[in-house]
């Protein structure tokens, strides 16, 4: 009987630990993207037209990593973060290092009443990529 109690206790602890870990992973689906580039002589270009994509974006807060599953998988390792609250939106800032060791800033712009307008911006020194995102629910 004591063995059964220990097994049940261990099972509950194991399941609750796995459940807690699963809460650290957030999945988003990017449906559209656009970009702009920087030219030393002319400054920033205009935003490109929005183009349809179907890209999975996974945020793993436990491993401090953002993974973008586009044509090439891009892992962004987070080294710092900040959050700003504004009247109609919340902006989450993540400073990251990508696969090539290049620093970038990732901005999650989350509108309070407009889920269809939530966006992710990946800011590099000479270009910016914007994704229109929707959360994925299990």
N, C-alpha and C. Protein backbone atom coordinates (compact mmCIF):
# COMPACT_ATOMS: atom_id res chain seq x y z
N UNK A 1 0.82 -1.19 0.00
CA UNK A 1 0.00 0.00 0.00
C UNK A 1 0.87 1.26 0.00
N UNK A 2 1.97 1.22 0.76
CA UNK A 2 2.87 2.37 0.81
C UNK A 2 3.47 2.63 -0.57
N UNK A 3 3.79 1.57 -1.31
CA UNK A 3 4.34 1.71 -2.65
C UNK A 3 3.35 2.38 -3.60
N UNK A 4 2.06 2.07 -3.47
CA UNK A 4 1.03 2.68 -4.32
C UNK A 4 0.93 4.17 -4.02
N UNK A 5 0.99 4.55 -2.72
CA UNK A 5 0.91 5.97 -2.35
C UNK A 5 2.10 6.73 -2.91
N UNK A 6 3.28 6.15 -2.82
CA UNK A 6 4.48 6.80 -3.36
C UNK A 6 4.36 6.94 -4.87
N UNK A 7 3.86 5.88 -5.54
CA UNK A 7 3.67 5.94 -6.99
C UNK A 7 2.69 7.04 -7.37
N UNK A 8 1.58 7.15 -6.65
CA UNK A 8 0.58 8.18 -6.95
C UNK A 8 1.16 9.57 -6.71
N UNK A 9 1.87 9.74 -5.60
CA UNK A 9 2.49 11.03 -5.30
C UNK A 9 3.51 11.40 -6.38
N UNK A 10 4.34 10.43 -6.77
CA UNK A 10 5.33 10.67 -7.83
C UNK A 10 4.64 11.02 -9.15
N UNK A 11 3.56 10.30 -9.47
CA UNK A 11 2.82 10.56 -10.71
C UNK A 11 2.24 11.97 -10.72
N UNK A 12 1.67 12.39 -9.60
CA UNK A 12 1.09 13.73 -9.51
C UNK A 12 2.18 14.79 -9.67
N UNK A 13 3.30 14.60 -8.99
CA UNK A 13 4.41 15.55 -9.11
C UNK A 13 4.93 15.59 -10.54
N UNK A 14 5.10 14.43 -11.15
CA UNK A 14 5.60 14.37 -12.52
C UNK A 14 4.66 15.06 -13.49
N UNK A 15 3.36 14.78 -13.38
CA UNK A 15 2.38 15.39 -14.27
C UNK A 15 2.29 16.90 -14.05
N UNK A 16 2.32 17.34 -12.80
CA UNK A 16 2.24 18.78 -12.55
C UNK A 16 3.50 19.48 -13.05
N UNK A 17 4.66 18.84 -12.95
CA UNK A 17 5.90 19.42 -13.48
C UNK A 17 5.82 19.56 -15.00
N UNK A 18 5.35 18.52 -15.68
CA UNK A 18 5.21 18.58 -17.13
C UNK A 18 4.19 19.62 -17.54
N UNK A 19 3.10 19.74 -16.79
CA UNK A 19 2.09 20.74 -17.10
C UNK A 19 2.68 22.14 -16.94
N UNK A 20 3.44 22.34 -15.89
CA UNK A 20 4.06 23.64 -15.66
C UNK A 20 5.03 23.98 -16.79
N UNK A 21 5.80 22.99 -17.24
CA UNK A 21 6.73 23.24 -18.34
C UNK A 21 5.99 23.58 -19.63
N UNK A 22 4.88 22.92 -19.87
CA UNK A 22 4.16 23.17 -21.11
C UNK A 22 3.58 24.59 -21.15
N UNK A 23 3.41 25.22 -20.00
CA UNK A 23 2.90 26.58 -19.96
C UNK A 23 3.96 27.60 -20.37
N UNK A 24 5.19 27.18 -20.51
CA UNK A 24 6.27 28.08 -20.91
C UNK A 24 6.45 28.15 -22.42
N UNK A 25 5.62 27.46 -23.17
CA UNK A 25 5.74 27.45 -24.62
C UNK A 25 4.49 28.07 -25.22
N UNK A 26 4.71 29.08 -26.06
CA UNK A 26 3.61 29.78 -26.72
C UNK A 26 3.79 29.64 -28.22
N UNK A 27 2.73 29.24 -28.90
CA UNK A 27 2.78 29.05 -30.34
C UNK A 27 1.93 30.10 -31.02
N UNK A 28 2.50 30.68 -32.06
CA UNK A 28 1.82 31.70 -32.85
C UNK A 28 1.89 31.30 -34.31
N UNK A 29 0.93 31.78 -35.08
CA UNK A 29 0.92 31.53 -36.51
C UNK A 29 1.00 32.87 -37.23
N UNK A 30 2.01 33.04 -38.05
CA UNK A 30 2.14 34.25 -38.87
C UNK A 30 1.44 33.99 -40.19
N UNK A 31 0.55 34.89 -40.56
CA UNK A 31 -0.20 34.75 -41.81
C UNK A 31 0.28 35.71 -42.90
N UNK A 32 0.86 36.81 -42.51
CA UNK A 32 1.36 37.79 -43.48
C UNK A 32 2.68 38.35 -42.98
N UNK A 33 3.50 38.81 -43.93
CA UNK A 33 4.74 39.48 -43.54
C UNK A 33 5.04 40.61 -44.52
N UNK A 34 5.82 41.56 -44.06
CA UNK A 34 6.36 42.62 -44.91
C UNK A 34 7.72 43.00 -44.35
N UNK A 35 8.44 43.85 -45.06
CA UNK A 35 9.78 44.21 -44.61
C UNK A 35 10.14 45.59 -45.12
N UNK A 36 11.18 46.15 -44.53
CA UNK A 36 11.78 47.38 -45.03
C UNK A 36 13.28 47.27 -44.83
N UNK A 37 14.03 47.96 -45.67
CA UNK A 37 15.49 47.89 -45.62
C UNK A 37 16.07 49.27 -45.43
N UNK A 38 17.31 49.30 -44.98
CA UNK A 38 18.01 50.56 -44.75
C UNK A 38 19.16 50.68 -45.74
N UNK A 39 19.24 51.82 -46.38
CA UNK A 39 20.33 52.13 -47.30
C UNK A 39 21.07 53.34 -46.72
N UNK A 40 22.38 53.26 -46.67
CA UNK A 40 23.19 54.32 -46.07
C UNK A 40 22.92 55.69 -46.70
N UNK A 41 22.68 55.73 -48.00
CA UNK A 41 22.50 57.01 -48.71
C UNK A 41 21.06 57.51 -48.66
N UNK A 42 20.08 56.59 -48.64
CA UNK A 42 18.69 56.99 -48.78
C UNK A 42 17.86 56.80 -47.51
N UNK A 43 18.41 56.13 -46.51
CA UNK A 43 17.66 55.88 -45.28
C UNK A 43 16.75 54.67 -45.42
N UNK A 44 15.70 54.65 -44.63
CA UNK A 44 14.78 53.51 -44.63
C UNK A 44 13.86 53.54 -45.84
N UNK A 45 13.66 52.38 -46.42
CA UNK A 45 12.72 52.25 -47.54
C UNK A 45 11.29 52.27 -46.99
N UNK A 46 10.33 52.32 -47.89
CA UNK A 46 8.93 52.16 -47.50
C UNK A 46 8.70 50.68 -47.18
N UNK A 47 7.65 50.40 -46.43
CA UNK A 47 7.30 49.01 -46.16
C UNK A 47 6.90 48.33 -47.46
N UNK A 48 7.31 47.08 -47.63
CA UNK A 48 6.87 46.29 -48.78
C UNK A 48 5.39 45.98 -48.62
N UNK A 49 4.78 45.44 -49.66
CA UNK A 49 3.39 44.99 -49.55
C UNK A 49 3.34 43.76 -48.66
N UNK A 50 2.22 43.58 -47.97
CA UNK A 50 2.03 42.38 -47.16
C UNK A 50 1.92 41.17 -48.08
N UNK A 51 2.64 40.10 -47.75
CA UNK A 51 2.60 38.86 -48.52
C UNK A 51 2.12 37.74 -47.62
N UNK A 52 1.32 36.84 -48.20
CA UNK A 52 0.78 35.71 -47.43
C UNK A 52 1.88 34.69 -47.13
N UNK A 53 1.92 34.21 -45.89
CA UNK A 53 2.81 33.14 -45.46
C UNK A 53 2.05 32.26 -44.47
N UNK A 54 2.62 31.15 -44.14
CA UNK A 54 2.07 30.27 -43.12
C UNK A 54 3.25 29.78 -42.29
N UNK A 55 3.63 30.58 -41.29
CA UNK A 55 4.85 30.34 -40.53
C UNK A 55 4.51 30.12 -39.06
N UNK A 56 5.12 29.10 -38.48
CA UNK A 56 4.97 28.83 -37.06
C UNK A 56 6.05 29.57 -36.29
N UNK A 57 5.64 30.26 -35.21
CA UNK A 57 6.57 30.95 -34.32
C UNK A 57 6.37 30.39 -32.92
N UNK A 58 7.44 29.91 -32.31
CA UNK A 58 7.35 29.30 -30.98
C UNK A 58 8.21 30.12 -30.02
N UNK A 59 7.60 30.51 -28.92
CA UNK A 59 8.31 31.23 -27.87
C UNK A 59 8.44 30.28 -26.69
N UNK A 60 9.66 29.97 -26.33
CA UNK A 60 9.94 29.07 -25.20
C UNK A 60 10.59 29.90 -24.10
N UNK A 61 9.80 30.26 -23.08
CA UNK A 61 10.32 31.12 -22.02
C UNK A 61 11.24 30.35 -21.08
N UNK A 62 11.09 29.04 -21.01
CA UNK A 62 11.96 28.24 -20.15
C UNK A 62 13.39 28.22 -20.70
N UNK A 63 13.53 28.02 -22.01
CA UNK A 63 14.85 28.00 -22.65
C UNK A 63 15.28 29.39 -23.14
N UNK A 64 14.42 30.39 -22.97
CA UNK A 64 14.69 31.77 -23.40
C UNK A 64 15.06 31.80 -24.88
N UNK A 65 14.14 31.31 -25.70
CA UNK A 65 14.39 31.20 -27.14
C UNK A 65 13.11 31.44 -27.91
N UNK A 66 13.25 32.14 -29.03
CA UNK A 66 12.17 32.31 -30.00
C UNK A 66 12.60 31.59 -31.26
N UNK A 67 11.75 30.72 -31.77
CA UNK A 67 12.07 29.96 -32.99
C UNK A 67 11.05 30.30 -34.06
N UNK A 68 11.54 30.66 -35.23
CA UNK A 68 10.68 31.00 -36.36
C UNK A 68 10.90 29.96 -37.44
N UNK A 69 9.84 29.21 -37.74
CA UNK A 69 9.93 28.13 -38.73
C UNK A 69 9.49 28.65 -40.10
N UNK A 70 10.38 29.39 -40.74
CA UNK A 70 10.14 29.90 -42.09
C UNK A 70 10.87 28.97 -43.06
N UNK A 71 11.25 29.48 -44.24
CA UNK A 71 12.01 28.65 -45.19
C UNK A 71 13.26 28.10 -44.53
N UNK A 72 13.92 28.96 -43.77
CA UNK A 72 15.05 28.53 -42.94
C UNK A 72 14.64 28.75 -41.49
N UNK A 73 14.86 27.77 -40.65
CA UNK A 73 14.52 27.91 -39.24
C UNK A 73 15.49 28.88 -38.58
N UNK A 74 14.95 29.84 -37.87
CA UNK A 74 15.76 30.86 -37.22
C UNK A 74 15.55 30.78 -35.71
N UNK A 75 16.62 30.55 -34.97
CA UNK A 75 16.56 30.51 -33.51
C UNK A 75 17.09 31.84 -32.99
N UNK A 76 16.31 32.49 -32.15
CA UNK A 76 16.72 33.74 -31.54
C UNK A 76 16.85 33.51 -30.04
N UNK A 77 18.08 33.56 -29.55
CA UNK A 77 18.33 33.37 -28.12
C UNK A 77 18.17 34.70 -27.40
N UNK A 78 17.30 34.74 -26.42
CA UNK A 78 16.96 35.97 -25.69
C UNK A 78 18.01 36.24 -24.62
N UNK A 79 18.54 37.47 -24.59
CA UNK A 79 19.48 37.83 -23.52
C UNK A 79 18.96 38.97 -22.65
N UNK A 80 17.88 39.65 -23.06
CA UNK A 80 17.28 40.69 -22.23
C UNK A 80 15.86 40.94 -22.72
N UNK A 81 15.04 41.55 -21.88
CA UNK A 81 13.66 41.82 -22.26
C UNK A 81 13.13 43.01 -21.47
N UNK A 82 12.03 43.57 -21.97
CA UNK A 82 11.36 44.69 -21.32
C UNK A 82 9.91 44.68 -21.78
N UNK A 83 9.06 45.39 -21.08
CA UNK A 83 7.65 45.49 -21.44
C UNK A 83 7.20 46.93 -21.25
N UNK A 84 6.41 47.42 -22.20
CA UNK A 84 5.86 48.78 -22.14
C UNK A 84 4.35 48.69 -22.32
N UNK A 85 3.64 49.36 -21.45
CA UNK A 85 2.18 49.42 -21.53
C UNK A 85 1.78 50.78 -22.07
N UNK A 86 0.95 50.76 -23.10
CA UNK A 86 0.42 52.00 -23.66
C UNK A 86 -1.10 51.93 -23.58
N UNK A 87 -1.74 52.99 -23.99
CA UNK A 87 -3.19 53.08 -23.87
C UNK A 87 -3.91 51.92 -24.55
N UNK A 88 -3.58 51.65 -25.80
CA UNK A 88 -4.31 50.65 -26.58
C UNK A 88 -3.51 49.39 -26.88
N UNK A 89 -2.27 49.31 -26.38
CA UNK A 89 -1.46 48.15 -26.71
C UNK A 89 -0.39 47.92 -25.65
N UNK A 90 0.15 46.71 -25.72
CA UNK A 90 1.30 46.33 -24.89
C UNK A 90 2.41 45.92 -25.84
N UNK A 91 3.62 46.38 -25.57
CA UNK A 91 4.76 46.03 -26.42
C UNK A 91 5.78 45.28 -25.57
N UNK A 92 6.09 44.05 -26.00
CA UNK A 92 7.11 43.24 -25.35
C UNK A 92 8.38 43.34 -26.20
N UNK A 93 9.47 43.70 -25.56
CA UNK A 93 10.76 43.82 -26.25
C UNK A 93 11.66 42.68 -25.81
N UNK A 94 12.27 42.01 -26.77
CA UNK A 94 13.26 40.97 -26.50
C UNK A 94 14.51 41.30 -27.30
N UNK A 95 15.64 41.36 -26.63
CA UNK A 95 16.92 41.52 -27.32
C UNK A 95 17.52 40.14 -27.47
N UNK A 96 17.88 39.80 -28.70
CA UNK A 96 18.24 38.42 -29.03
C UNK A 96 19.53 38.36 -29.85
N UNK A 97 20.02 37.14 -29.97
CA UNK A 97 21.12 36.83 -30.88
C UNK A 97 20.64 35.70 -31.78
N UNK A 98 20.80 35.88 -33.10
CA UNK A 98 20.27 34.90 -34.04
C UNK A 98 21.28 33.78 -34.33
N UNK A 99 20.95 32.93 -35.31
CA UNK A 99 21.79 31.78 -35.67
C UNK A 99 23.21 32.18 -36.04
N UNK A 100 23.35 33.37 -36.65
CA UNK A 100 24.66 33.82 -37.13
C UNK A 100 25.41 34.67 -36.11
N UNK A 101 24.87 34.78 -34.91
CA UNK A 101 25.52 35.57 -33.87
C UNK A 101 25.25 37.06 -33.98
N UNK A 102 24.26 37.44 -34.78
CA UNK A 102 23.93 38.86 -34.99
C UNK A 102 22.84 39.27 -34.00
N UNK A 103 23.04 40.41 -33.39
CA UNK A 103 22.06 40.92 -32.44
C UNK A 103 20.85 41.50 -33.16
N UNK A 104 19.68 41.31 -32.56
CA UNK A 104 18.46 41.89 -33.09
C UNK A 104 17.51 42.16 -31.93
N UNK A 105 16.49 42.93 -32.22
CA UNK A 105 15.44 43.19 -31.23
C UNK A 105 14.13 42.67 -31.79
N UNK A 106 13.39 41.93 -30.97
CA UNK A 106 12.08 41.42 -31.36
C UNK A 106 11.04 42.18 -30.56
N UNK A 107 10.07 42.75 -31.27
CA UNK A 107 8.98 43.49 -30.63
C UNK A 107 7.67 42.77 -30.89
N UNK A 108 6.98 42.42 -29.82
CA UNK A 108 5.64 41.88 -29.92
C UNK A 108 4.68 43.03 -29.61
N UNK A 109 3.89 43.42 -30.58
CA UNK A 109 2.93 44.50 -30.39
C UNK A 109 1.56 43.84 -30.27
N UNK A 110 1.00 43.91 -29.07
CA UNK A 110 -0.26 43.24 -28.77
C UNK A 110 -1.32 44.29 -28.47
N UNK A 111 -2.30 44.41 -29.36
CA UNK A 111 -3.36 45.39 -29.19
C UNK A 111 -4.44 44.83 -28.27
N UNK A 112 -4.99 45.68 -27.43
CA UNK A 112 -5.94 45.22 -26.41
C UNK A 112 -7.25 44.73 -26.99
N UNK A 113 -7.77 45.40 -28.01
CA UNK A 113 -9.09 45.03 -28.54
C UNK A 113 -9.05 44.54 -29.97
N UNK A 114 -7.88 44.35 -30.53
CA UNK A 114 -7.77 44.01 -31.95
C UNK A 114 -6.81 42.85 -32.15
N UNK A 115 -7.24 41.63 -31.86
CA UNK A 115 -6.36 40.47 -31.99
C UNK A 115 -5.84 40.27 -33.41
N UNK A 116 -6.63 40.68 -34.41
CA UNK A 116 -6.21 40.45 -35.79
C UNK A 116 -5.07 41.38 -36.22
N UNK A 117 -4.75 42.38 -35.39
CA UNK A 117 -3.69 43.31 -35.73
C UNK A 117 -2.40 43.08 -34.94
N UNK A 118 -2.33 42.05 -34.13
CA UNK A 118 -1.11 41.78 -33.37
C UNK A 118 0.04 41.49 -34.32
N UNK A 119 1.22 41.99 -33.97
CA UNK A 119 2.35 41.87 -34.87
C UNK A 119 3.64 41.59 -34.12
N UNK A 120 4.58 41.00 -34.85
CA UNK A 120 5.94 40.81 -34.37
C UNK A 120 6.85 41.55 -35.35
N UNK A 121 7.76 42.35 -34.81
CA UNK A 121 8.78 43.03 -35.60
C UNK A 121 10.14 42.48 -35.19
N UNK A 122 10.94 42.10 -36.17
CA UNK A 122 12.32 41.68 -35.91
C UNK A 122 13.21 42.76 -36.50
N UNK A 123 13.85 43.52 -35.61
CA UNK A 123 14.64 44.68 -36.00
C UNK A 123 16.12 44.34 -36.03
N UNK A 124 16.71 44.45 -37.22
CA UNK A 124 18.16 44.36 -37.38
C UNK A 124 18.66 45.75 -37.73
N UNK A 125 19.96 45.92 -37.81
CA UNK A 125 20.52 47.24 -38.11
C UNK A 125 20.10 47.75 -39.49
N UNK A 126 19.98 46.86 -40.48
CA UNK A 126 19.72 47.30 -41.84
C UNK A 126 18.44 46.76 -42.46
N UNK A 127 17.62 46.05 -41.70
CA UNK A 127 16.30 45.65 -42.19
C UNK A 127 15.40 45.27 -41.03
N UNK A 128 14.11 45.36 -41.30
CA UNK A 128 13.08 45.01 -40.33
C UNK A 128 12.07 44.10 -41.02
N UNK A 129 11.70 43.03 -40.34
CA UNK A 129 10.66 42.12 -40.83
C UNK A 129 9.48 42.23 -39.87
N UNK A 130 8.28 42.34 -40.42
CA UNK A 130 7.07 42.39 -39.61
C UNK A 130 6.18 41.21 -39.98
N UNK A 131 5.64 40.53 -38.97
CA UNK A 131 4.70 39.43 -39.17
C UNK A 131 3.38 39.79 -38.52
N UNK A 132 2.29 39.51 -39.20
CA UNK A 132 0.96 39.61 -38.60
C UNK A 132 0.67 38.24 -37.98
N UNK A 133 0.35 38.21 -36.69
CA UNK A 133 0.29 36.94 -35.97
C UNK A 133 -1.08 36.69 -35.33
N UNK A 134 -1.34 35.42 -35.12
CA UNK A 134 -2.50 34.95 -34.35
C UNK A 134 -2.01 33.87 -33.39
N UNK A 135 -2.53 33.85 -32.17
CA UNK A 135 -2.15 32.77 -31.24
C UNK A 135 -2.75 31.45 -31.69
N UNK A 136 -2.05 30.37 -31.40
CA UNK A 136 -2.56 29.02 -31.66
C UNK A 136 -2.98 28.43 -30.34
N UNK A 137 -4.13 27.80 -30.31
CA UNK A 137 -4.63 27.20 -29.10
C UNK A 137 -4.62 25.70 -29.25
N UNK A 138 -4.27 24.99 -28.16
CA UNK A 138 -4.25 23.52 -28.20
C UNK A 138 -5.64 22.97 -28.12
